[in-house]
Amino acid sequence: MANIRSQKKRNRQTVVRNTRNRAARSELRTRINAATSATAAGDDNAAELTRSAQQAIDTAVTKGLLKKNTAARRKSALAKALNNA
């Protein structure tokens, strides 16, 4: 355990941020998986789920969870899968 006051604060901040980022990443994965499975199954709402997943990816970039090129690659893969279905 840290003895320095500023390090104790940093440890508290890390716990809060870790929790927030983990929840956001989980939501992102959930939306991407839902869009992918809907596209593979040929559901009627596949386009809507893909759009929702792409919005979640964009939000993750603005919050610093994903890098810009990673987000572009994932969005491209979703769009490609939707167009091929």
N, C-alpha and C. Protein backbone atom coordinates (compact mmCIF):
# COMPACT_ATOMS: atom_id res chain seq x y z
N MET A 1 0.84 -1.18 0.00
CA MET A 1 0.00 0.00 0.00
C MET A 1 0.88 1.24 0.00
N ALA A 2 0.46 2.23 -0.73
CA ALA A 2 1.25 3.45 -0.85
C ALA A 2 1.17 4.28 0.43
N ASN A 3 2.24 4.98 0.71
CA ASN A 3 2.27 5.88 1.86
C ASN A 3 2.08 7.32 1.43
N ILE A 4 2.36 7.60 0.18
CA ILE A 4 2.28 8.98 -0.31
C ILE A 4 0.83 9.31 -0.64
N ARG A 5 0.42 10.48 -0.19
CA ARG A 5 -0.98 10.88 -0.32
C ARG A 5 -1.44 10.95 -1.77
N SER A 6 -0.61 11.50 -2.64
CA SER A 6 -0.99 11.62 -4.05
C SER A 6 -1.12 10.25 -4.71
N GLN A 7 -0.30 9.31 -4.28
CA GLN A 7 -0.38 7.96 -4.85
C GLN A 7 -1.65 7.25 -4.38
N LYS A 8 -2.07 7.51 -3.15
CA LYS A 8 -3.33 6.94 -2.68
C LYS A 8 -4.49 7.45 -3.53
N LYS A 9 -4.44 8.73 -3.84
CA LYS A 9 -5.49 9.31 -4.69
C LYS A 9 -5.46 8.70 -6.08
N ARG A 10 -4.26 8.53 -6.63
CA ARG A 10 -4.14 7.93 -7.96
C ARG A 10 -4.70 6.50 -7.96
N ASN A 11 -4.46 5.77 -6.88
CA ASN A 11 -4.99 4.41 -6.77
C ASN A 11 -6.51 4.42 -6.76
N ARG A 12 -7.12 5.37 -6.05
CA ARG A 12 -8.58 5.48 -6.03
C ARG A 12 -9.10 5.83 -7.42
N GLN A 13 -8.44 6.74 -8.09
CA GLN A 13 -8.86 7.14 -9.44
C GLN A 13 -8.76 5.97 -10.42
N THR A 14 -7.72 5.17 -10.27
CA THR A 14 -7.52 4.03 -11.14
C THR A 14 -8.66 3.02 -11.00
N VAL A 15 -9.10 2.81 -9.78
CA VAL A 15 -10.19 1.86 -9.55
C VAL A 15 -11.46 2.35 -10.23
N VAL A 16 -11.76 3.64 -10.07
CA VAL A 16 -12.97 4.21 -10.66
C VAL A 16 -12.91 4.14 -12.19
N ARG A 17 -11.79 4.52 -12.75
CA ARG A 17 -11.65 4.52 -14.21
C ARG A 17 -11.67 3.11 -14.77
N ASN A 18 -11.05 2.18 -14.06
CA ASN A 18 -11.03 0.79 -14.50
C ASN A 18 -12.45 0.25 -14.57
N THR A 19 -13.25 0.54 -13.56
CA THR A 19 -14.63 0.08 -13.53
C THR A 19 -15.42 0.67 -14.68
N ARG A 20 -15.26 1.97 -14.89
CA ARG A 20 -15.99 2.65 -15.96
C ARG A 20 -15.58 2.12 -17.33
N ASN A 21 -14.29 1.95 -17.54
CA ASN A 21 -13.82 1.46 -18.84
C ASN A 21 -14.24 0.02 -19.10
N ARG A 22 -14.24 -0.80 -18.05
CA ARG A 22 -14.65 -2.19 -18.21
C ARG A 22 -16.12 -2.28 -18.62
N ALA A 23 -16.95 -1.46 -18.02
CA ALA A 23 -18.38 -1.46 -18.36
C ALA A 23 -18.58 -0.99 -19.80
N ALA A 24 -17.86 0.05 -20.20
CA ALA A 24 -18.00 0.58 -21.55
C ALA A 24 -17.52 -0.43 -22.59
N ARG A 25 -16.41 -1.11 -22.30
CA ARG A 25 -15.89 -2.12 -23.22
C ARG A 25 -16.85 -3.30 -23.34
N SER A 26 -17.46 -3.68 -22.24
CA SER A 26 -18.42 -4.77 -22.25
C SER A 26 -19.64 -4.41 -23.11
N GLU A 27 -20.14 -3.20 -22.95
CA GLU A 27 -21.28 -2.73 -23.76
C GLU A 27 -20.91 -2.70 -25.24
N LEU A 28 -19.70 -2.27 -25.53
CA LEU A 28 -19.23 -2.22 -26.91
C LEU A 28 -19.20 -3.62 -27.52
N ARG A 29 -18.63 -4.57 -26.79
CA ARG A 29 -18.56 -5.96 -27.28
C ARG A 29 -19.96 -6.55 -27.46
N THR A 30 -20.86 -6.23 -26.54
CA THR A 30 -22.23 -6.73 -26.64
C THR A 30 -22.89 -6.25 -27.92
N ARG A 31 -22.75 -4.97 -28.22
CA ARG A 31 -23.37 -4.42 -29.43
C ARG A 31 -22.75 -4.99 -30.70
N ILE A 32 -21.43 -5.14 -30.70
CA ILE A 32 -20.77 -5.69 -31.88
C ILE A 32 -21.20 -7.14 -32.11
N ASN A 33 -21.25 -7.93 -31.02
CA ASN A 33 -21.67 -9.33 -31.15
C ASN A 33 -23.11 -9.45 -31.59
N ALA A 34 -23.97 -8.56 -31.10
CA ALA A 34 -25.38 -8.60 -31.50
C ALA A 34 -25.52 -8.28 -32.98
N ALA A 35 -24.77 -7.29 -33.45
CA ALA A 35 -24.82 -6.92 -34.87
C ALA A 35 -24.28 -8.04 -35.74
N THR A 36 -23.19 -8.65 -35.32
CA THR A 36 -22.58 -9.72 -36.09
C THR A 36 -23.50 -10.94 -36.19
N SER A 37 -24.09 -11.32 -35.07
CA SER A 37 -24.96 -12.49 -35.09
C SER A 37 -26.24 -12.22 -35.87
N ALA A 38 -26.77 -10.99 -35.78
CA ALA A 38 -27.98 -10.65 -36.55
C ALA A 38 -27.69 -10.66 -38.04
N THR A 39 -26.52 -10.18 -38.42
CA THR A 39 -26.13 -10.17 -39.83
C THR A 39 -25.96 -11.60 -40.34
N ALA A 40 -25.31 -12.43 -39.54
CA ALA A 40 -25.09 -13.82 -39.96
C ALA A 40 -26.41 -14.58 -40.08
N ALA A 41 -27.36 -14.26 -39.21
CA ALA A 41 -28.65 -14.95 -39.24
C ALA A 41 -29.60 -14.36 -40.26
N GLY A 42 -29.26 -13.19 -40.78
CA GLY A 42 -30.11 -12.54 -41.78
C GLY A 42 -31.35 -11.91 -41.18
N ASP A 43 -31.26 -11.43 -39.96
CA ASP A 43 -32.41 -10.80 -39.31
C ASP A 43 -32.78 -9.49 -39.99
N ASP A 44 -34.03 -9.07 -39.77
CA ASP A 44 -34.51 -7.83 -40.38
C ASP A 44 -33.87 -6.60 -39.74
N ASN A 45 -33.54 -6.68 -38.46
CA ASN A 45 -32.99 -5.52 -37.77
C ASN A 45 -31.46 -5.50 -37.77
N ALA A 46 -30.83 -6.21 -38.68
CA ALA A 46 -29.37 -6.27 -38.73
C ALA A 46 -28.78 -4.91 -39.04
N ALA A 47 -29.41 -4.15 -39.93
CA ALA A 47 -28.90 -2.83 -40.28
C ALA A 47 -28.97 -1.89 -39.08
N GLU A 48 -30.05 -1.98 -38.34
CA GLU A 48 -30.21 -1.13 -37.16
C GLU A 48 -29.18 -1.48 -36.09
N LEU A 49 -28.96 -2.76 -35.87
CA LEU A 49 -27.98 -3.19 -34.88
C LEU A 49 -26.56 -2.82 -35.30
N THR A 50 -26.28 -2.89 -36.59
CA THR A 50 -24.96 -2.50 -37.09
C THR A 50 -24.74 -1.01 -36.87
N ARG A 51 -25.76 -0.22 -37.16
CA ARG A 51 -25.66 1.23 -36.95
C ARG A 51 -25.43 1.53 -35.47
N SER A 52 -26.12 0.82 -34.59
CA SER A 52 -25.96 1.00 -33.15
C SER A 52 -24.54 0.64 -32.72
N ALA A 53 -24.01 -0.44 -33.27
CA ALA A 53 -22.64 -0.86 -32.93
C ALA A 53 -21.63 0.16 -33.42
N GLN A 54 -21.85 0.72 -34.61
CA GLN A 54 -20.93 1.72 -35.14
C GLN A 54 -20.96 2.99 -34.30
N GLN A 55 -22.12 3.36 -33.81
CA GLN A 55 -22.21 4.52 -32.92
C GLN A 55 -21.46 4.25 -31.62
N ALA A 56 -21.58 3.05 -31.10
CA ALA A 56 -20.87 2.69 -29.88
C ALA A 56 -19.36 2.73 -30.10
N ILE A 57 -18.92 2.30 -31.27
CA ILE A 57 -17.49 2.34 -31.60
C ILE A 57 -17.00 3.78 -31.65
N ASP A 58 -17.79 4.66 -32.28
CA ASP A 58 -17.41 6.07 -32.34
C ASP A 58 -17.32 6.69 -30.95
N THR A 59 -18.26 6.32 -30.09
CA THR A 59 -18.25 6.82 -28.72
C THR A 59 -17.01 6.32 -27.98
N ALA A 60 -16.64 5.09 -28.21
CA ALA A 60 -15.46 4.52 -27.56
C ALA A 60 -14.19 5.26 -27.98
N VAL A 61 -14.15 5.72 -29.23
CA VAL A 61 -12.99 6.48 -29.68
C VAL A 61 -12.91 7.82 -28.95
N THR A 62 -14.04 8.50 -28.83
CA THR A 62 -14.03 9.81 -28.17
C THR A 62 -13.69 9.69 -26.69
N LYS A 63 -14.01 8.54 -26.08
CA LYS A 63 -13.69 8.34 -24.67
C LYS A 63 -12.30 7.75 -24.45
N GLY A 64 -11.61 7.43 -25.55
CA GLY A 64 -10.25 6.93 -25.43
C GLY A 64 -10.16 5.44 -25.20
N LEU A 65 -11.23 4.70 -25.42
CA LEU A 65 -11.19 3.25 -25.22
C LEU A 65 -10.58 2.53 -26.42
N LEU A 66 -10.76 3.09 -27.59
CA LEU A 66 -10.22 2.51 -28.82
C LEU A 66 -9.42 3.55 -29.57
N LYS A 67 -8.42 3.07 -30.31
CA LYS A 67 -7.71 3.97 -31.20
C LYS A 67 -8.51 4.17 -32.47
N LYS A 68 -8.20 5.24 -33.18
CA LYS A 68 -8.96 5.62 -34.35
C LYS A 68 -8.93 4.56 -35.44
N ASN A 69 -7.76 4.01 -35.71
CA ASN A 69 -7.66 3.02 -36.78
C ASN A 69 -8.32 1.70 -36.41
N THR A 70 -8.27 1.34 -35.13
CA THR A 70 -8.95 0.14 -34.67
C THR A 70 -10.45 0.28 -34.86
N ALA A 71 -10.97 1.46 -34.53
CA ALA A 71 -12.39 1.71 -34.70
C ALA A 71 -12.77 1.66 -36.17
N ALA A 72 -11.96 2.24 -37.03
CA ALA A 72 -12.24 2.23 -38.47
C ALA A 72 -12.26 0.81 -39.00
N ARG A 73 -11.32 -0.02 -38.53
CA ARG A 73 -11.25 -1.40 -38.98
C ARG A 73 -12.49 -2.19 -38.55
N ARG A 74 -12.92 -1.98 -37.32
CA ARG A 74 -14.09 -2.71 -36.82
C ARG A 74 -15.37 -2.25 -37.51
N LYS A 75 -15.49 -0.95 -37.73
CA LYS A 75 -16.67 -0.43 -38.43
C LYS A 75 -16.72 -0.95 -39.86
N SER A 76 -15.56 -1.01 -40.49
CA SER A 76 -15.47 -1.51 -41.86
C SER A 76 -15.89 -2.98 -41.93
N ALA A 77 -15.44 -3.75 -40.97
CA ALA A 77 -15.79 -5.18 -40.94
C ALA A 77 -17.29 -5.38 -40.75
N LEU A 78 -17.89 -4.56 -39.90
CA LEU A 78 -19.34 -4.65 -39.69
C LEU A 78 -20.10 -4.30 -40.97
N ALA A 79 -19.67 -3.23 -41.63
CA ALA A 79 -20.34 -2.79 -42.85
C ALA A 79 -20.17 -3.82 -43.95
N LYS A 80 -18.98 -4.39 -44.04
CA LYS A 80 -18.70 -5.40 -45.07
C LYS A 80 -19.58 -6.63 -44.86
N ALA A 81 -19.70 -7.06 -43.60
CA ALA A 81 -20.52 -8.23 -43.30
C ALA A 81 -21.99 -7.96 -43.63
N LEU A 82 -22.45 -6.74 -43.34
CA LEU A 82 -23.83 -6.39 -43.60
C LEU A 82 -24.11 -6.35 -45.11
N ASN A 83 -23.17 -5.79 -45.87
CA ASN A 83 -23.35 -5.69 -47.32
C ASN A 83 -23.29 -7.05 -48.00
N ASN A 84 -22.49 -7.96 -47.46
CA ASN A 84 -22.39 -9.30 -48.07
C ASN A 84 -23.55 -10.21 -47.70
N ALA A 85 -24.28 -9.84 -46.65
CA ALA A 85 -25.40 -10.69 -46.21
C ALA A 85 -26.63 -10.50 -47.09
